[in-house]
Amino acid sequence: MARVLVTGATGWIGSLVTAALTRAGHAVTAIVRGPPIDGVTCVRGDVTVALAGWSADAIAAHAGALDVMIHLAALVRLDATSGEALARANVDGTRHALALADALAVRRFVHVSSASVAGDARAFAETDLDVGQTLRNDYERTKLRAEQLVAAHPGPTAILRVPGVVGDSSTGATRSYDGTFYRALAAYHFVREELAAEWRAGEREAMEREAIRFDAAGVLSLPVELACDRAGPCAVVPQDWLADTIVAFALAPAATGTFHLVQAAPPTIGWALDVALARLGVALVPPGSGGPWTRFARRSLERIARHQLPYLAAAPRLTCARLPAILGAAYTPCPPFDRACVERLVDRAVEARFA
């Protein structure tokens, strides 16, 4: 039985990691700001303040009694107005988590980061950190700064870079539809719904003049598309594999350094987009002369997915060599992101209306 301290245990991935740890019989202590978690020892705290707000008594009670700290607490926002909040959560939060780990004499610190630290780099290795890549928003900048803090820390540390995350590989279920994969598809789904309503309301002839039409099966021909690198890798992983892999890694002895938790051979963005759009009932056709309905569709797509567009236009190729070597027999390859998986994810997202 391992003794594990978790930050971000009530977040999307943090809750899955915490559940996986408890199912396996490990003793979990979680830093929480809100209600306690069943089956978990909870300590009130907040990583945005020094030592995560732990009192001297709390530190004394847990000092020397923890094997590993998994730092999952983070803020994910891609807009241009959240810089200060991102710095507090992602940079200060990591600095305070490292200081708490030192005060508690935790044997190893595992920092869960993001593959978005690659910025606009077209290829990014596990040994890469700052290679002159352009960082496109404050989220990327704060995640890179957090990695720099962990990499410079003198104790035994590890960094796990995570790409886009989607729902469960078996069921498609998830509690979050905020990632690039889902937001891009949501844009097409809701544009299709709006156009279908107007088609039925009497705008059919006007739409057909712009090559926008619905066939007898309800499939929308749409002469508009989001700009994307169709040949780029669709680097997403299912939430269940990710949580189980984080747990397996955190419990592996002497696993330090930086690791990419990605598919070894991901499909292309173009293939994944084609499969997902077919499931949504959307067929992309070459853009024509355009008109008001085309402009409406284009503006709507860009409004819904505007923060995700850079990730579709330039997706880095992430090497994944170290994780299988470190985990050995404990390593489980990522389930294939095949047609059946994509269709399950789309079906559950539509059922939940991407919310």
Protein backbone atom coordinates (compact mmCIF):
# COMPACT_ATOMS: atom_id res chain seq x y z
CA MET A 1 0.00 0.00 0.00
CA ALA A 2 1.33 3.42 -1.03
CA ARG A 3 0.63 6.64 0.86
CA VAL A 4 -0.26 9.31 -1.68
CA LEU A 5 -0.96 13.03 -1.35
CA VAL A 6 -3.08 14.47 -4.17
CA THR A 7 -3.77 18.08 -5.15
CA GLY A 8 -6.68 18.80 -7.47
CA ALA A 9 -8.47 15.68 -6.27
CA THR A 10 -11.91 17.13 -6.97
CA GLY A 11 -11.06 18.17 -10.54
CA TRP A 12 -11.88 16.14 -13.62
CA ILE A 13 -8.67 14.10 -13.93
CA GLY A 14 -7.82 14.43 -10.24
CA SER A 15 -11.08 12.77 -9.23
CA LEU A 16 -10.39 9.86 -11.58
CA VAL A 17 -6.84 9.44 -10.27
CA THR A 18 -8.07 9.57 -6.68
CA ALA A 19 -10.75 6.96 -7.40
CA ALA A 20 -8.20 4.69 -9.09
CA LEU A 21 -5.85 4.96 -6.11
CA THR A 22 -8.56 4.14 -3.59
CA ARG A 23 -9.86 1.20 -5.66
CA ALA A 24 -6.36 -0.24 -5.60
CA GLY A 25 -6.25 0.01 -1.81
CA HIS A 26 -3.78 2.88 -1.46
CA ALA A 27 -4.02 5.44 1.34
CA VAL A 28 -4.95 8.78 -0.21
CA THR A 29 -4.73 12.19 1.42
CA ALA A 30 -6.28 15.02 -0.58
CA ILE A 31 -5.92 18.78 -0.29
CA VAL A 32 -9.43 20.17 -0.65
CA ARG A 33 -11.12 23.55 -0.49
CA GLY A 34 -14.68 22.24 -0.52
CA PRO A 35 -16.55 19.22 0.84
CA PRO A 36 -14.60 16.09 1.86
CA ILE A 37 -14.23 13.11 -0.46
CA ASP A 38 -15.60 9.74 0.62
CA GLY A 39 -12.94 7.20 1.48
CA VAL A 40 -10.14 9.78 1.43
CA THR A 41 -8.32 11.61 4.21
CA CYS A 42 -8.93 15.28 3.43
CA VAL A 43 -6.94 18.27 4.65
CA ARG A 44 -8.26 21.76 4.08
CA GLY A 45 -5.92 23.77 1.89
CA ASP A 46 -5.38 25.83 -1.23
CA VAL A 47 -2.25 25.60 -3.39
CA THR A 48 -2.48 29.27 -4.31
CA VAL A 49 -1.22 30.20 -0.81
CA ALA A 50 2.06 29.34 0.93
CA LEU A 51 2.43 25.68 1.92
CA ALA A 52 -1.06 25.20 0.44
CA GLY A 53 -2.46 26.76 3.62
CA TRP A 54 -1.43 23.82 5.83
CA SER A 55 -0.94 24.61 9.49
CA ALA A 56 2.17 23.62 11.41
CA ASP A 57 0.09 20.97 13.21
CA ALA A 58 -1.13 19.48 9.93
CA ILE A 59 2.40 19.35 8.56
CA ALA A 60 3.70 17.73 11.74
CA ALA A 61 0.92 15.13 11.64
CA HIS A 62 1.79 14.03 8.07
CA ALA A 63 5.55 14.63 7.92
CA GLY A 64 7.47 11.56 6.81
CA ALA A 65 4.28 9.58 6.27
CA LEU A 66 3.81 10.10 2.52
CA ASP A 67 5.45 8.23 -0.35
CA VAL A 68 4.49 10.40 -3.30
CA MET A 69 2.69 13.66 -4.04
CA ILE A 70 0.69 13.90 -7.28
CA HIS A 71 0.19 17.55 -8.17
CA LEU A 72 -2.88 17.81 -10.40
CA ALA A 73 -4.31 21.16 -9.27
CA ALA A 74 -4.32 23.61 -12.18
CA LEU A 75 -6.43 26.19 -13.96
CA VAL A 76 -7.20 25.68 -17.66
CA ARG A 77 -8.33 28.83 -19.45
CA LEU A 78 -7.36 29.85 -22.95
CA ASP A 79 -8.86 33.34 -23.01
CA ALA A 80 -6.77 36.51 -22.83
CA THR A 81 -8.26 37.83 -19.57
CA SER A 82 -7.14 35.18 -17.08
CA GLY A 83 -3.40 35.81 -16.82
CA GLU A 84 -3.28 36.65 -13.12
CA ALA A 85 -5.55 33.77 -12.13
CA LEU A 86 -3.50 31.36 -14.24
CA ALA A 87 -0.26 32.56 -12.65
CA ARG A 88 -1.66 32.06 -9.15
CA ALA A 89 -3.01 28.59 -9.84
CA ASN A 90 -0.38 27.15 -12.16
CA VAL A 91 2.88 28.87 -11.21
CA ASP A 92 2.38 29.85 -7.57
CA GLY A 93 0.36 26.69 -7.03
CA THR A 94 3.25 24.53 -8.22
CA ARG A 95 5.78 26.49 -6.18
CA HIS A 96 3.67 26.07 -3.03
CA ALA A 97 3.07 22.38 -3.72
CA LEU A 98 6.81 21.79 -4.04
CA ALA A 99 7.44 23.64 -0.77
CA LEU A 100 4.77 21.57 0.99
CA ALA A 101 6.29 18.36 -0.38
CA ASP A 102 9.64 19.42 1.10
CA ALA A 103 8.08 20.29 4.46
CA LEU A 104 6.36 16.90 4.56
CA ALA A 105 9.49 15.03 3.42
CA VAL A 106 7.51 13.42 0.60
CA ARG A 107 9.71 10.91 -1.16
CA ARG A 108 8.77 11.85 -4.73
CA PHE A 109 6.89 14.69 -6.44
CA VAL A 110 4.89 13.99 -9.63
CA HIS A 111 3.70 17.04 -11.55
CA VAL A 112 0.92 16.55 -14.10
CA SER A 113 1.50 19.08 -16.85
CA SER A 114 0.22 19.72 -20.37
CA ALA A 115 1.57 18.97 -23.82
CA SER A 116 0.58 22.54 -24.69
CA VAL A 117 3.97 23.66 -23.32
CA ALA A 118 5.17 22.73 -26.83
CA GLY A 119 3.44 25.87 -28.11
CA ASP A 120 3.84 26.14 -31.87
CA ALA A 121 6.73 23.66 -32.08
CA ARG A 122 6.08 21.10 -34.78
CA ALA A 123 7.92 18.37 -32.88
CA PHE A 124 8.60 18.14 -29.16
CA ALA A 125 10.62 15.50 -27.36
CA GLU A 126 10.36 14.45 -23.74
CA THR A 127 13.76 16.02 -23.14
CA ASP A 128 12.62 19.37 -24.62
CA LEU A 129 11.53 22.25 -22.42
CA ASP A 130 12.28 25.71 -23.77
CA VAL A 131 13.35 25.27 -27.40
CA GLY A 132 12.30 28.74 -28.53
CA GLN A 133 8.71 27.74 -29.21
CA THR A 134 6.11 30.51 -29.37
CA LEU A 135 3.58 30.18 -26.56
CA ARG A 136 0.15 31.25 -27.70
CA ASN A 137 -1.61 32.16 -24.47
CA ASP A 138 -1.11 32.60 -20.73
CA TYR A 139 -2.15 29.03 -20.03
CA GLU A 140 0.77 27.70 -22.07
CA ARG A 141 3.15 30.24 -20.53
CA THR A 142 2.18 29.37 -16.96
CA LYS A 143 2.38 25.63 -17.58
CA LEU A 144 5.88 26.00 -19.01
CA ARG A 145 6.94 28.13 -16.03
CA ALA A 146 5.54 25.48 -13.67
CA GLU A 147 7.58 22.79 -15.45
CA GLN A 148 10.70 24.94 -15.09
CA LEU A 149 10.11 25.14 -11.34
CA VAL A 150 9.75 21.36 -11.07
CA ALA A 151 12.75 20.68 -13.29
CA ALA A 152 14.92 22.99 -11.15
CA HIS A 153 13.80 21.45 -7.86
CA PRO A 154 16.58 19.48 -6.14
CA GLY A 155 14.40 16.61 -4.94
CA PRO A 156 13.23 13.53 -6.90
CA THR A 157 10.58 14.85 -9.30
CA ALA A 158 8.77 13.80 -12.46
CA ILE A 159 6.73 15.68 -15.06
CA LEU A 160 3.89 14.00 -16.94
CA ARG A 161 2.79 15.89 -20.05
CA VAL A 162 -0.82 15.22 -21.00
CA PRO A 163 -2.35 15.99 -24.43
CA GLY A 164 -6.04 16.56 -25.07
CA VAL A 165 -8.28 14.32 -22.99
CA VAL A 166 -11.55 12.71 -24.10
CA GLY A 167 -14.11 10.50 -22.42
CA ASP A 168 -13.96 6.90 -21.29
CA SER A 169 -12.58 4.59 -23.97
CA SER A 170 -15.33 2.00 -23.40
CA THR A 171 -18.41 4.18 -22.87
CA GLY A 172 -17.48 7.64 -24.16
CA ALA A 173 -18.77 9.16 -20.91
CA THR A 174 -17.06 12.19 -19.39
CA ARG A 175 -17.79 15.08 -17.06
CA SER A 176 -15.94 17.64 -19.20
CA TYR A 177 -16.48 18.77 -22.79
CA ASP A 178 -14.10 21.73 -22.70
CA GLY A 179 -11.18 20.32 -24.68
CA THR A 180 -10.24 21.05 -28.27
CA PHE A 181 -11.71 17.81 -29.63
CA TYR A 182 -15.12 18.50 -28.13
CA ARG A 183 -15.25 22.25 -28.71
CA ALA A 184 -14.46 21.86 -32.41
CA LEU A 185 -17.19 19.24 -32.82
CA ALA A 186 -19.63 21.27 -30.74
CA ALA A 187 -19.19 24.13 -33.20
CA TYR A 188 -20.31 21.94 -36.11
CA HIS A 189 -23.10 20.31 -34.11
CA PHE A 190 -24.74 23.56 -33.08
CA VAL A 191 -24.31 25.15 -36.50
CA ARG A 192 -26.05 22.11 -37.97
CA GLU A 193 -28.92 22.49 -35.49
CA GLU A 194 -29.33 26.19 -36.29
CA LEU A 195 -29.27 25.64 -40.04
CA ALA A 196 -31.72 22.74 -39.79
CA ALA A 197 -34.19 24.93 -37.91
CA GLU A 198 -33.93 27.69 -40.52
CA TRP A 199 -34.17 25.14 -43.37
CA ARG A 200 -37.45 23.90 -41.94
CA ALA A 201 -38.63 27.49 -41.36
CA GLY A 202 -38.51 28.34 -45.06
CA GLU A 203 -34.90 29.28 -45.84
CA ARG A 204 -34.24 26.21 -47.99
CA GLU A 205 -33.96 28.02 -51.34
CA ALA A 206 -31.65 30.72 -49.96
CA MET A 207 -29.39 28.10 -48.42
CA GLU A 208 -29.30 25.96 -51.56
CA ARG A 209 -28.10 28.96 -53.56
CA GLU A 210 -25.02 28.85 -51.31
CA ALA A 211 -24.61 25.05 -51.65
CA ILE A 212 -25.91 24.51 -48.13
CA ARG A 213 -28.42 21.66 -48.15
CA PHE A 214 -29.81 18.72 -46.16
CA ASP A 215 -30.32 15.37 -47.89
CA ALA A 216 -33.14 12.91 -47.23
CA ALA A 217 -31.16 11.34 -44.36
CA GLY A 218 -30.68 14.72 -42.72
CA VAL A 219 -26.97 15.02 -43.58
CA LEU A 220 -25.87 18.64 -43.92
CA SER A 221 -23.63 19.61 -46.83
CA LEU A 222 -21.65 22.55 -45.50
CA PRO A 223 -19.27 24.61 -47.70
CA VAL A 224 -17.37 25.87 -44.64
CA GLU A 225 -14.67 24.32 -42.49
CA LEU A 226 -12.41 25.19 -39.61
CA ALA A 227 -8.82 25.74 -40.64
CA CYS A 228 -6.77 22.77 -39.47
CA ASP A 229 -3.65 20.81 -40.27
CA ARG A 230 -5.34 17.68 -41.58
CA ALA A 231 -2.05 15.79 -41.59
CA GLY A 232 -1.22 16.75 -38.00
CA PRO A 233 -1.56 14.21 -35.17
CA CYS A 234 -4.84 14.00 -33.28
CA ALA A 235 -3.07 13.72 -29.93
CA VAL A 236 -5.84 12.83 -27.51
CA VAL A 237 -6.09 10.12 -24.85
CA PRO A 238 -9.11 8.64 -23.04
CA GLN A 239 -9.65 9.68 -19.44
CA ASP A 240 -9.66 6.12 -18.04
CA TRP A 241 -6.29 5.20 -19.58
CA LEU A 242 -4.83 8.51 -18.47
CA ALA A 243 -5.90 8.11 -14.83
CA ASP A 244 -4.69 4.51 -14.63
CA THR A 245 -1.36 5.42 -16.24
CA ILE A 246 -0.78 8.34 -13.88
CA VAL A 247 -1.37 5.99 -10.95
CA ALA A 248 0.94 3.29 -12.36
CA PHE A 249 3.64 5.88 -12.93
CA ALA A 250 3.27 7.55 -9.54
CA LEU A 251 3.73 4.21 -7.80
CA ALA A 252 6.73 3.16 -9.91
CA PRO A 253 9.95 3.45 -7.90
CA ALA A 254 12.67 5.84 -9.09
CA ALA A 255 10.69 7.11 -12.08
CA THR A 256 11.93 10.67 -12.55
CA GLY A 257 12.28 13.09 -15.45
CA THR A 258 9.74 14.10 -18.09
CA PHE A 259 7.31 11.75 -19.82
CA HIS A 260 4.67 12.14 -22.53
CA LEU A 261 1.38 10.33 -21.84
CA VAL A 262 0.31 10.10 -25.46
CA GLN A 263 -0.64 7.60 -28.12
CA ALA A 264 2.40 6.06 -29.78
CA ALA A 265 0.82 6.35 -33.25
CA PRO A 266 -2.11 8.77 -33.19
CA PRO A 267 -4.40 9.16 -36.22
CA THR A 268 -4.40 12.39 -38.17
CA ILE A 269 -6.63 15.32 -37.33
CA GLY A 270 -8.18 15.04 -40.78
CA TRP A 271 -9.19 11.41 -40.30
CA ALA A 272 -10.62 12.01 -36.82
CA LEU A 273 -12.53 15.07 -38.01
CA ASP A 274 -14.01 13.21 -40.98
CA VAL A 275 -15.20 10.31 -38.80
CA ALA A 276 -16.63 12.58 -36.13
CA LEU A 277 -18.42 14.87 -38.61
CA ALA A 278 -19.94 11.91 -40.41
CA ARG A 279 -21.35 10.77 -37.07
CA LEU A 280 -22.73 14.27 -36.48
CA GLY A 281 -24.43 14.28 -39.88
CA VAL A 282 -22.17 16.90 -41.47
CA ALA A 283 -20.41 16.58 -44.83
CA LEU A 284 -17.89 19.25 -45.72
CA VAL A 285 -17.95 20.35 -49.37
CA PRO A 286 -15.67 22.82 -51.18
CA PRO A 287 -16.51 26.44 -50.31
CA GLY A 288 -18.39 28.31 -53.02
CA SER A 289 -19.18 31.97 -53.62
CA GLY A 290 -20.67 32.30 -50.15
CA GLY A 291 -23.46 34.50 -48.90
CA PRO A 292 -25.23 35.40 -45.64
CA TRP A 293 -25.83 31.81 -44.53
CA THR A 294 -22.24 30.84 -45.26
CA ARG A 295 -21.02 33.85 -43.31
CA PHE A 296 -23.31 32.91 -40.43
CA ALA A 297 -21.95 29.38 -40.35
CA ARG A 298 -18.32 30.52 -40.52
CA ARG A 299 -18.75 33.11 -37.76
CA SER A 300 -20.54 30.60 -35.56
CA LEU A 301 -17.83 27.97 -36.00
CA GLU A 302 -15.11 30.47 -35.15
CA ARG A 303 -17.02 31.87 -32.16
CA ILE A 304 -17.56 28.48 -30.54
CA ALA A 305 -14.10 27.07 -31.20
CA ARG A 306 -11.98 30.25 -31.42
CA HIS A 307 -9.64 29.32 -28.52
CA GLN A 308 -9.11 25.84 -29.96
CA LEU A 309 -8.26 26.91 -33.52
CA PRO A 310 -4.49 27.26 -32.91
CA TYR A 311 -4.38 23.67 -31.65
CA LEU A 312 -6.07 22.40 -34.81
CA ALA A 313 -3.88 24.49 -37.11
CA ALA A 314 -0.55 23.39 -35.59
CA ALA A 315 -0.46 20.19 -33.57
CA PRO A 316 3.03 19.14 -32.38
CA ARG A 317 4.33 15.63 -32.86
CA LEU A 318 5.14 14.34 -29.40
CA THR A 319 7.68 11.59 -28.93
CA CYS A 320 6.68 8.84 -26.50
CA ALA A 321 9.60 6.60 -25.64
CA ARG A 322 10.30 6.77 -21.92
CA LEU A 323 7.03 5.66 -20.34
CA PRO A 324 6.94 2.05 -21.62
CA ALA A 325 10.60 1.64 -20.70
CA ILE A 326 10.08 2.89 -17.13
CA LEU A 327 6.87 0.97 -16.40
CA GLY A 328 7.83 -2.25 -18.14
CA ALA A 329 5.19 -4.93 -17.56
CA ALA A 330 3.04 -2.41 -15.69
CA TYR A 331 2.64 -0.33 -18.87
CA THR A 332 -0.64 -0.62 -20.76
CA PRO A 333 -0.67 0.92 -24.24
CA CYS A 334 -3.26 3.60 -24.91
CA PRO A 335 -6.45 2.11 -26.41
CA PRO A 336 -6.67 2.80 -30.15
CA PHE A 337 -8.43 5.98 -31.16
CA ASP A 338 -10.29 4.11 -33.86
CA ARG A 339 -13.62 4.67 -35.61
CA ALA A 340 -15.66 2.89 -32.95
CA CYS A 341 -14.06 4.95 -30.18
CA VAL A 342 -14.61 8.25 -32.01
CA GLU A 343 -18.25 7.39 -32.67
CA ARG A 344 -18.84 6.49 -29.01
CA LEU A 345 -17.37 9.80 -27.92
CA VAL A 346 -19.48 11.75 -30.40
CA ASP A 347 -22.69 9.94 -29.45
CA ARG A 348 -22.21 10.65 -25.73
CA ALA A 349 -21.30 14.28 -26.42
CA VAL A 350 -24.43 14.83 -28.49
CA GLU A 351 -26.53 13.12 -25.84
CA ALA A 352 -25.09 15.52 -23.24
CA ARG A 353 -25.30 18.46 -25.69
CA PHE A 354 -21.57 19.02 -25.16
CA ALA A 355 -22.25 20.38 -21.67
